[in-house]
Protein backbone atom coordinates (compact mmCIF):
# COMPACT_ATOMS: atom_id res chain seq x y z
CA MET A 1 66.02 -119.08 -22.87
CA ALA A 2 62.63 -118.41 -23.84
CA TYR A 3 60.49 -115.09 -23.25
CA GLY A 4 56.55 -115.36 -23.65
CA ALA A 5 53.66 -115.52 -21.58
CA HIS A 6 52.81 -117.76 -18.46
CA ARG A 7 50.45 -119.88 -19.02
CA SER A 8 48.15 -121.18 -16.63
CA PRO A 9 48.60 -124.59 -15.08
CA LEU A 10 44.64 -125.13 -15.16
CA LEU A 11 42.75 -125.94 -17.90
CA PRO A 12 39.92 -123.51 -19.57
CA PRO A 13 36.68 -124.56 -18.53
CA HIS A 14 34.71 -126.77 -20.59
CA PRO A 15 31.77 -124.96 -21.59
CA ASP A 16 28.12 -126.44 -22.72
CA LEU A 17 27.69 -124.74 -26.19
CA THR A 18 24.61 -126.16 -26.54
CA LEU A 19 23.26 -123.72 -23.52
CA ALA A 20 25.98 -120.54 -25.03
CA ARG A 21 24.41 -120.90 -28.49
CA ASP A 22 22.57 -117.72 -28.59
CA CYS A 23 24.24 -115.83 -25.74
CA GLU A 24 24.92 -112.01 -26.71
CA GLN A 25 26.90 -112.23 -23.20
CA CYS A 26 29.35 -114.31 -24.76
CA LEU A 27 28.49 -114.62 -28.07
CA GLY A 28 28.10 -118.68 -28.34
CA TRP A 29 31.66 -119.11 -27.00
CA GLY A 30 30.68 -120.69 -23.30
CA THR A 31 33.78 -118.70 -21.91
CA VAL A 32 34.09 -114.80 -21.32
CA VAL A 33 37.99 -113.13 -20.67
CA THR A 34 38.53 -111.27 -17.52
CA ARG A 35 40.25 -108.35 -17.32
CA ASP A 36 43.83 -110.29 -16.09
CA GLY A 37 43.70 -112.87 -19.65
CA GLU A 38 42.16 -115.57 -17.60
CA HIS A 39 38.92 -117.61 -19.11
CA GLU A 40 35.62 -118.29 -17.33
CA LEU A 41 32.17 -119.69 -17.73
CA CYS A 42 30.06 -117.10 -18.78
CA HIS A 43 27.65 -116.14 -15.90
CA ALA A 44 24.54 -115.19 -18.52
CA CYS A 45 24.40 -119.54 -19.97
CA GLN A 46 26.61 -121.66 -18.39
CA PRO A 47 25.18 -123.24 -14.48
CA ASP A 48 27.57 -122.51 -11.97
CA PRO A 49 29.91 -125.37 -11.17
CA ALA A 50 28.59 -124.63 -7.35
CA ASP A 51 25.40 -125.80 -7.53
CA ASP A 52 26.43 -129.29 -8.40
CA GLU A 53 28.18 -129.53 -5.44
CA GLY A 54 25.06 -129.28 -3.07
CA GLY A 55 26.82 -127.91 -0.29
CA ALA A 56 25.82 -127.73 3.39
CA GLY A 57 23.23 -124.88 2.30
CA SER A 58 21.39 -127.05 -0.68
CA ARG A 59 18.95 -128.80 2.40
CA PRO A 60 15.50 -128.08 2.06
């Protein structure tokens, strides 16, 4: 039996590298690594996916 790091069943996020090109927070990668070792989209250069869903509060 082999032992190793457990991989998350979810795929890592896919950033828009055009937006990340000059970002100083993620250094152009579009993602940052959390303290738990998970990849998440950079909050400085990547749009929030929740904004695209248009929740109940999005109507004027």
